[in-house]
């Protein structure tokens, strides 16, 4: 196997999904070395690991990316999705709240936040997040769909069906 100590972040980034499980550990060491460029490499590594269903390693890669660049939205979003899939909704919520602090006008993030809140049984807050997503992006079908489902789930039949029929 090639000596990985000579790989730059751009080389690691270009590997994408071709990264083999055999090179994951050495790459993790390299990712921790320096710079925002390495944060992008850690993010890409996390995505590959997530695709390989190596959830603990993916989590560490995303956390490594955030250690290098705490404002890296893609790492926060992927980490929150990983947490939500594991039922770790409080941690997912914390990640989405960080994303909203960075991008308060992101309809996608408001939609995702609403989904996490709904998973937590916080239905009124979920409804408000979904409403905010529709308000920010009136042409975003998924925002309307999630808002409709939240309205219907709360027994707001007329508004829910109207929202559902939007698409």
Foldseek 3Di string as FASTA:
>chain_A
DDDCVPDDLVNLLVCQLVDDPVCLVVLLVVLQPDDLSSLSSLQSSLVNCVVVVVLVSSLSSLVSSCVRPVQPLSSLQVNLVSCVVVVNLVSSLVSLVSNCVVPVLALVSLQVNLVSCVSVVVLVSSLVSLVSSCVSPVPDLSSLQSNLVSCVVVVVPVVSVVSVVPD
